[in-house]
PDB file of all heavy atoms in Angstrom:
ATOM      1  N   ARG A   1     -85.372 -56.827 225.254  1.00  0.00           N
ATOM      2  CA  ARG A   1     -85.020 -55.754 224.327  1.00  0.00           C
ATOM      3  C   ARG A   1     -86.186 -55.271 223.482  1.00  0.00           C
ATOM      4  O   ARG A   1     -86.263 -54.123 223.125  1.00  0.00           O
ATOM      5  CB  ARG A   1     -83.903 -56.232 223.379  1.00  0.00           C
ATOM      6  CG  ARG A   1     -82.634 -56.579 224.102  1.00  0.00           C
ATOM      7  CD  ARG A   1     -81.556 -56.951 223.084  1.00  0.00           C
ATOM      8  NE  ARG A   1     -81.937 -58.089 222.257  1.00  0.00           N
ATOM      9  CZ  ARG A   1     -81.708 -59.364 222.591  1.00  0.00           C
ATOM     10  NH1 ARG A   1     -81.116 -59.648 223.725  1.00  0.00           N
ATOM     11  NH2 ARG A   1     -82.054 -60.349 221.790  1.00  0.00           N
ATOM     12  N   GLU A   2     -87.076 -56.163 223.087  1.00  0.00           N
ATOM     13  CA  GLU A   2     -88.005 -55.848 222.005  1.00  0.00           C
ATOM     14  C   GLU A   2     -89.047 -54.794 222.382  1.00  0.00           C
ATOM     15  O   GLU A   2     -89.289 -53.859 221.644  1.00  0.00           O
ATOM     16  CB  GLU A   2     -88.722 -57.121 221.545  1.00  0.00           C
ATOM     17  CG  GLU A   2     -87.781 -58.174 220.968  1.00  0.00           C
ATOM     18  CD  GLU A   2     -87.000 -57.652 219.785  1.00  0.00           C
ATOM     19  OE1 GLU A   2     -87.542 -56.817 219.030  1.00  0.00           O
ATOM     20  OE2 GLU A   2     -85.840 -58.050 219.599  1.00  0.00           O
ATOM     21  N   GLU A   3     -89.659 -54.941 223.546  1.00  0.00           N
ATOM     22  CA  GLU A   3     -90.767 -54.039 223.857  1.00  0.00           C
ATOM     23  C   GLU A   3     -90.334 -52.578 223.977  1.00  0.00           C
ATOM     24  O   GLU A   3     -90.942 -51.700 223.374  1.00  0.00           O
ATOM     25  CB  GLU A   3     -91.465 -54.491 225.145  1.00  0.00           C
ATOM     26  CG  GLU A   3     -92.668 -53.610 225.472  1.00  0.00           C
ATOM     27  CD  GLU A   3     -93.369 -54.060 226.737  1.00  0.00           C
ATOM     28  OE1 GLU A   3     -93.069 -55.172 227.220  1.00  0.00           O
ATOM     29  OE2 GLU A   3     -94.211 -53.294 227.235  1.00  0.00           O
ATOM     30  N   PRO A   4     -89.260 -52.245 224.716  1.00  0.00           N
ATOM     31  CA  PRO A   4     -88.841 -50.837 224.775  1.00  0.00           C
ATOM     32  C   PRO A   4     -88.453 -50.291 223.405  1.00  0.00           C
ATOM     33  O   PRO A   4     -88.725 -49.142 223.085  1.00  0.00           O
ATOM     34  CB  PRO A   4     -87.646 -50.864 225.728  1.00  0.00           C
ATOM     35  CG  PRO A   4     -87.843 -52.083 226.562  1.00  0.00           C
ATOM     36  CD  PRO A   4     -88.455 -53.090 225.637  1.00  0.00           C
ATOM     37  N   ALA A   5     -87.784 -51.121 222.580  1.00  0.00           N
ATOM     38  CA  ALA A   5     -87.400 -50.669 221.237  1.00  0.00           C
ATOM     39  C   ALA A   5     -88.640 -50.393 220.394  1.00  0.00           C
ATOM     40  O   ALA A   5     -88.703 -49.402 219.660  1.00  0.00           O
ATOM     41  CB  ALA A   5     -86.520 -51.716 220.562  1.00  0.00           C
ATOM     42  N   ASP A   6     -89.627 -51.277 220.505  1.00  0.00           N
ATOM     43  CA  ASP A   6     -90.867 -51.075 219.745  1.00  0.00           C
ATOM     44  C   ASP A   6     -91.572 -49.802 220.193  1.00  0.00           C
ATOM     45  O   ASP A   6     -92.096 -49.038 219.357  1.00  0.00           O
ATOM     46  CB  ASP A   6     -91.799 -52.277 219.920  1.00  0.00           C
ATOM     47  CG  ASP A   6     -91.291 -53.516 219.189  1.00  0.00           C
ATOM     48  OD1 ASP A   6     -90.403 -53.344 218.311  1.00  0.00           O
ATOM     49  OD2 ASP A   6     -91.769 -54.618 219.486  1.00  0.00           O
ATOM     50  N   ASN A   7     -91.599 -49.573 221.497  1.00  0.00           N
ATOM     51  CA  ASN A   7     -92.269 -48.372 221.998  1.00  0.00           C
ATOM     52  C   ASN A   7     -91.584 -47.105 221.502  1.00  0.00           C
ATOM     53  O   ASN A   7     -92.239 -46.124 221.118  1.00  0.00           O
ATOM     54  CB  ASN A   7     -92.285 -48.381 223.530  1.00  0.00           C
ATOM     55  CG  ASN A   7     -93.213 -49.453 224.083  1.00  0.00           C
ATOM     56  OD1 ASN A   7     -94.075 -49.959 223.354  1.00  0.00           O
ATOM     57  ND2 ASN A   7     -93.012 -49.810 225.347  1.00  0.00           N
ATOM     58  N   LEU A   8     -90.249 -47.114 221.512  1.00  0.00           N
ATOM     59  CA  LEU A   8     -89.513 -45.958 221.024  1.00  0.00           C
ATOM     60  C   LEU A   8     -89.727 -45.779 219.521  1.00  0.00           C
ATOM     61  O   LEU A   8     -89.914 -44.651 219.035  1.00  0.00           O
ATOM     62  CB  LEU A   8     -88.017 -46.116 221.326  1.00  0.00           C
ATOM     63  CG  LEU A   8     -87.100 -44.991 220.826  1.00  0.00           C
ATOM     64  CD1 LEU A   8     -87.560 -43.635 221.349  1.00  0.00           C
ATOM     65  CD2 LEU A   8     -85.649 -45.268 221.240  1.00  0.00           C
ATOM     66  N   GLY A   9     -89.738 -46.903 218.794  1.00  0.00           N
ATOM     67  CA  GLY A   9     -89.983 -46.830 217.347  1.00  0.00           C
ATOM     68  C   GLY A   9     -91.351 -46.255 217.034  1.00  0.00           C
ATOM     69  O   GLY A   9     -91.503 -45.438 216.110  1.00  0.00           O
ATOM     70  N   GLU A  10     -92.355 -46.647 217.819  1.00  0.00           N
ATOM     71  CA  GLU A  10     -93.708 -46.126 217.595  1.00  0.00           C
ATOM     72  C   GLU A  10     -93.784 -44.639 217.903  1.00  0.00           C
ATOM     73  O   GLU A  10     -94.465 -43.869 217.215  1.00  0.00           O
ATOM     74  CB  GLU A  10     -94.703 -46.896 218.453  1.00  0.00           C
ATOM     75  CG  GLU A  10     -94.920 -48.327 217.978  1.00  0.00           C
ATOM     76  CD  GLU A  10     -95.800 -49.116 218.927  1.00  0.00           C
ATOM     77  OE1 GLU A  10     -96.291 -48.518 219.923  1.00  0.00           O
ATOM     78  OE2 GLU A  10     -95.998 -50.324 218.699  1.00  0.00           O
ATOM     79  N   ALA A  11     -93.075 -44.234 218.969  1.00  0.00           N
ATOM     80  CA  ALA A  11     -93.074 -42.809 219.313  1.00  0.00           C
ATOM     81  C   ALA A  11     -92.403 -41.993 218.212  1.00  0.00           C
ATOM     82  O   ALA A  11     -92.883 -40.911 217.834  1.00  0.00           O
ATOM     83  CB  ALA A  11     -92.351 -42.599 220.644  1.00  0.00           C
ATOM     84  N   LEU A  12     -91.289 -42.498 217.672  1.00  0.00           N
ATOM     85  CA  LEU A  12     -90.624 -41.813 216.560  1.00  0.00           C
ATOM     86  C   LEU A  12     -91.526 -41.771 215.334  1.00  0.00           C
ATOM     87  O   LEU A  12     -91.610 -40.761 214.635  1.00  0.00           O
ATOM     88  CB  LEU A  12     -89.307 -42.511 216.225  1.00  0.00           C
ATOM     89  CG  LEU A  12     -88.151 -42.264 217.207  1.00  0.00           C
ATOM     90  CD1 LEU A  12     -86.999 -43.218 216.929  1.00  0.00           C
ATOM     91  CD2 LEU A  12     -87.664 -40.821 217.104  1.00  0.00           C
ATOM     92  N   GLN A  13     -92.201 -42.885 215.089  1.00  0.00           N
ATOM     93  CA  GLN A  13     -93.108 -42.948 213.933  1.00  0.00           C
ATOM     94  C   GLN A  13     -94.210 -41.902 214.044  1.00  0.00           C
ATOM     95  O   GLN A  13     -94.499 -41.175 213.082  1.00  0.00           O
ATOM     96  CB  GLN A  13     -93.735 -44.345 213.840  1.00  0.00           C
ATOM     97  CG  GLN A  13     -94.784 -44.464 212.737  1.00  0.00           C
ATOM     98  CD  GLN A  13     -95.478 -45.816 212.762  1.00  0.00           C
ATOM     99  OE1 GLN A  13     -94.863 -46.827 213.046  1.00  0.00           O
ATOM    100  NE2 GLN A  13     -96.773 -45.821 212.486  1.00  0.00           N
ATOM    101  N   SER A  14     -94.811 -41.777 215.211  1.00  0.00           N
ATOM    102  CA  SER A  14     -95.881 -40.799 215.408  1.00  0.00           C
ATOM    103  C   SER A  14     -95.367 -39.378 215.230  1.00  0.00           C
ATOM    104  O   SER A  14     -96.023 -38.522 214.620  1.00  0.00           O
ATOM    105  CB  SER A  14     -96.498 -40.954 216.795  1.00  0.00           C
ATOM    106  OG  SER A  14     -97.096 -42.227 216.931  1.00  0.00           O
ATOM    107  N   GLY A  15     -94.163 -39.114 215.759  1.00  0.00           N
ATOM    108  CA  GLY A  15     -93.608 -37.768 215.653  1.00  0.00           C
ATOM    109  C   GLY A  15     -93.284 -37.393 214.216  1.00  0.00           C
ATOM    110  O   GLY A  15     -93.593 -36.278 213.771  1.00  0.00           O
ATOM    111  N   VAL A  16     -92.695 -38.330 213.474  1.00  0.00           N
ATOM    112  CA  VAL A  16     -92.351 -38.049 212.074  1.00  0.00           C
ATOM    113  C   VAL A  16     -93.624 -37.871 211.251  1.00  0.00           C
ATOM    114  O   VAL A  16     -93.722 -36.966 210.419  1.00  0.00           O
ATOM    115  CB  VAL A  16     -91.465 -39.167 211.490  1.00  0.00           C
ATOM    116  CG1 VAL A  16     -91.242 -38.943 209.992  1.00  0.00           C
ATOM    117  CG2 VAL A  16     -90.136 -39.223 212.215  1.00  0.00           C
ATOM    118  N   ALA A  17     -94.618 -38.732 211.479  1.00  0.00           N
ATOM    119  CA  ALA A  17     -95.874 -38.627 210.734  1.00  0.00           C
ATOM    120  C   ALA A  17     -96.553 -37.286 210.991  1.00  0.00           C
ATOM    121  O   ALA A  17     -97.061 -36.642 210.061  1.00  0.00           O
ATOM    122  CB  ALA A  17     -96.809 -39.778 211.114  1.00  0.00           C
ATOM    123  N   ALA A  18     -96.550 -36.853 212.249  1.00  0.00           N
ATOM    124  CA  ALA A  18     -97.167 -35.559 212.582  1.00  0.00           C
ATOM    125  C   ALA A  18     -96.424 -34.418 211.884  1.00  0.00           C
ATOM    126  O   ALA A  18     -97.045 -33.460 211.400  1.00  0.00           O
ATOM    127  CB  ALA A  18     -97.168 -35.347 214.089  1.00  0.00           C
ATOM    128  N   LEU A  19     -95.093 -34.517 211.817  1.00  0.00           N
ATOM    129  CA  LEU A  19     -94.295 -33.490 211.140  1.00  0.00           C
ATOM    130  C   LEU A  19     -94.672 -33.416 209.653  1.00  0.00           C
ATOM    131  O   LEU A  19     -94.898 -32.325 209.112  1.00  0.00           O
ATOM    132  CB  LEU A  19     -92.811 -33.811 211.296  1.00  0.00           C
ATOM    133  CG  LEU A  19     -91.832 -32.873 210.580  1.00  0.00           C
ATOM    134  CD1 LEU A  19     -91.822 -31.502 211.250  1.00  0.00           C
ATOM    135  CD2 LEU A  19     -90.426 -33.471 210.566  1.00  0.00           C
ATOM    136  N   LEU A  20     -94.755 -34.562 208.991  1.00  0.00           N
ATOM    137  CA  LEU A  20     -95.083 -34.588 207.563  1.00  0.00           C
ATOM    138  C   LEU A  20     -96.504 -34.088 207.317  1.00  0.00           C
ATOM    139  O   LEU A  20     -96.744 -33.311 206.379  1.00  0.00           O
ATOM    140  CB  LEU A  20     -94.927 -36.004 207.011  1.00  0.00           C
ATOM    141  CG  LEU A  20     -93.523 -36.611 207.062  1.00  0.00           C
ATOM    142  CD1 LEU A  20     -93.508 -37.999 206.438  1.00  0.00           C
ATOM    143  CD2 LEU A  20     -92.513 -35.718 206.361  1.00  0.00           C
ATOM    144  N   LEU A  21     -97.433 -34.524 208.129  1.00  0.00           N
ATOM    145  CA  LEU A  21     -98.825 -34.092 207.964  1.00  0.00           C
ATOM    146  C   LEU A  21     -98.970 -32.587 208.132  1.00  0.00           C
ATOM    147  O   LEU A  21     -99.680 -31.917 207.368  1.00  0.00           O
ATOM    148  CB  LEU A  21     -99.724 -34.814 208.965  1.00  0.00           C
ATOM    149  CG  LEU A  21    -100.187 -36.226 208.589  1.00  0.00           C
ATOM    150  CD1 LEU A  21    -100.867 -36.892 209.780  1.00  0.00           C
ATOM    151  CD2 LEU A  21    -101.151 -36.168 207.405  1.00  0.00           C
ATOM    152  N   SER A  22     -98.294 -32.053 209.146  1.00  0.00           N
ATOM    153  CA  SER A  22     -98.400 -30.616 209.416  1.00  0.00           C
ATOM    154  C   SER A  22     -97.908 -29.800 208.231  1.00  0.00           C
ATOM    155  O   SER A  22     -98.575 -28.846 207.793  1.00  0.00           O
ATOM    156  CB  SER A  22     -97.589 -30.274 210.667  1.00  0.00           C
ATOM    157  OG  SER A  22     -97.546 -28.875 210.867  1.00  0.00           O
ATOM    158  N   HIS A  23     -96.775 -30.156 207.675  1.00  0.00           N
ATOM    159  CA  HIS A  23     -96.213 -29.387 206.557  1.00  0.00           C
ATOM    160  C   HIS A  23     -97.021 -29.601 205.274  1.00  0.00           C
ATOM    161  O   HIS A  23     -97.166 -28.670 204.469  1.00  0.00           O
ATOM    162  CB  HIS A  23     -94.752 -29.744 206.345  1.00  0.00           C
ATOM    163  CG  HIS A  23     -93.840 -29.137 207.360  1.00  0.00           C
ATOM    164  ND1 HIS A  23     -93.558 -27.785 207.394  1.00  0.00           N
ATOM    165  CD2 HIS A  23     -93.164 -29.688 208.412  1.00  0.00           C
ATOM    166  CE1 HIS A  23     -92.740 -27.529 208.406  1.00  0.00           C
ATOM    167  NE2 HIS A  23     -92.488 -28.663 209.046  1.00  0.00           N
ATOM    168  N   ALA A  24     -97.549 -30.796 205.080  1.00  0.00           N
ATOM    169  CA  ALA A  24     -98.374 -31.041 203.901  1.00  0.00           C
ATOM    170  C   ALA A  24     -99.661 -30.226 203.958  1.00  0.00           C
ATOM    171  O   ALA A  24    -100.102 -29.646 202.946  1.00  0.00           O
ATOM    172  CB  ALA A  24     -98.705 -32.533 203.781  1.00  0.00           C
ATOM    173  N   GLU A  25    -100.274 -30.165 205.144  1.00  0.00           N
ATOM    174  CA  GLU A  25    -101.503 -29.392 205.298  1.00  0.00           C
ATOM    175  C   GLU A  25    -101.239 -27.902 205.077  1.00  0.00           C
ATOM    176  O   GLU A  25    -102.005 -27.217 204.383  1.00  0.00           O
ATOM    177  CB  GLU A  25    -102.085 -29.622 206.687  1.00  0.00           C
ATOM    178  CG  GLU A  25    -103.410 -28.921 206.905  1.00  0.00           C
ATOM    179  CD  GLU A  25    -104.025 -29.246 208.253  1.00  0.00           C
ATOM    180  OE1 GLU A  25    -103.286 -29.685 209.153  1.00  0.00           O
ATOM    181  OE2 GLU A  25    -105.247 -29.056 208.399  1.00  0.00           O
ATOM    182  N   THR A  26    -100.152 -27.407 205.636  1.00  0.00           N
ATOM    183  CA  THR A  26     -99.794 -25.997 205.448  1.00  0.00           C
ATOM    184  C   THR A  26     -99.563 -25.690 203.972  1.00  0.00           C
ATOM    185  O   THR A  26     -99.997 -24.649 203.462  1.00  0.00           O
ATOM    186  CB  THR A  26     -98.532 -25.655 206.255  1.00  0.00           C
ATOM    187  OG1 THR A  26     -98.804 -25.857 207.646  1.00  0.00           O
ATOM    188  CG2 THR A  26     -98.116 -24.214 206.021  1.00  0.00           C
ATOM    189  N   ALA A  27     -98.889 -26.606 203.266  1.00  0.00           N
ATOM    190  CA  ALA A  27     -98.608 -26.388 201.844  1.00  0.00           C
ATOM    191  C   ALA A  27     -99.893 -26.365 201.023  1.00  0.00           C
ATOM    192  O   ALA A  27    -100.032 -25.553 200.093  1.00  0.00           O
ATOM    193  CB  ALA A  27     -97.683 -27.481 201.320  1.00  0.00           C
ATOM    194  N   SER A  28    -100.847 -27.216 201.354  1.00  0.00           N
ATOM    195  CA  SER A  28    -102.120 -27.231 200.625  1.00  0.00           C
ATOM    196  C   SER A  28    -102.880 -25.925 200.835  1.00  0.00           C
ATOM    197  O   SER A  28    -103.406 -25.328 199.881  1.00  0.00           O
ATOM    198  CB  SER A  28    -102.984 -28.414 201.069  1.00  0.00           C
ATOM    199  OG  SER A  28    -102.378 -29.643 200.721  1.00  0.00           O
ATOM    200  N   ILE A  29    -102.931 -25.466 202.059  1.00  0.00           N
ATOM    201  CA  ILE A  29    -103.625 -24.214 202.366  1.00  0.00           C
ATOM    202  C   ILE A  29    -102.929 -23.044 201.679  1.00  0.00           C
ATOM    203  O   ILE A  29    -103.574 -22.168 201.082  1.00  0.00           O
ATOM    204  CB  ILE A  29    -103.686 -23.995 203.886  1.00  0.00           C
ATOM    205  CG1 ILE A  29    -104.566 -25.069 204.543  1.00  0.00           C
ATOM    206  CG2 ILE A  29    -104.210 -22.602 204.216  1.00  0.00           C
ATOM    207  CD1 ILE A  29    -104.515 -25.059 206.055  1.00  0.00           C
ATOM    208  N   THR A  30    -101.601 -23.028 201.748  1.00  0.00           N
ATOM    209  CA  THR A  30    -100.829 -21.949 201.129  1.00  0.00           C
ATOM    210  C   THR A  30    -101.011 -21.944 199.617  1.00  0.00           C
ATOM    211  O   THR A  30    -101.128 -20.877 198.996  1.00  0.00           O
ATOM    212  CB  THR A  30     -99.338 -22.095 201.482  1.00  0.00           C
ATOM    213  OG1 THR A  30     -99.186 -22.076 202.900  1.00  0.00           O
ATOM    214  CG2 THR A  30     -98.518 -20.971 200.862  1.00  0.00           C
ATOM    215  N   SER A  31    -101.038 -23.129 199.015  1.00  0.00           N
ATOM    216  CA  SER A  31    -101.223 -23.227 197.556  1.00  0.00           C
ATOM    217  C   SER A  31    -102.582 -22.683 197.142  1.00  0.00           C
ATOM    218  O   SER A  31    -102.689 -21.928 196.167  1.00  0.00           O
ATOM    219  CB  SER A  31    -101.087 -24.687 197.109  1.00  0.00           C
ATOM    220  OG  SER A  31     -99.805 -25.196 197.395  1.00  0.00           O
ATOM    221  N   ALA A  32    -103.612 -23.063 197.877  1.00  0.00           N
ATOM    222  CA  ALA A  32    -104.961 -22.574 197.559  1.00  0.00           C
ATOM    223  C   ALA A  32    -105.038 -21.060 197.728  1.00  0.00           C
ATOM    224  O   ALA A  32    -105.652 -20.357 196.907  1.00  0.00           O
ATOM    225  CB  ALA A  32    -105.988 -23.266 198.455  1.00  0.00           C
TER     226      ALA A  32
END
């Protein structure tokens, strides 16, 4: 069970992090 769950968790983590980074970067540029 563990390895597939970990792989899926890492993929979700990367996707969520990319989403947050993208919007934070856009907000900084827009603010400036």
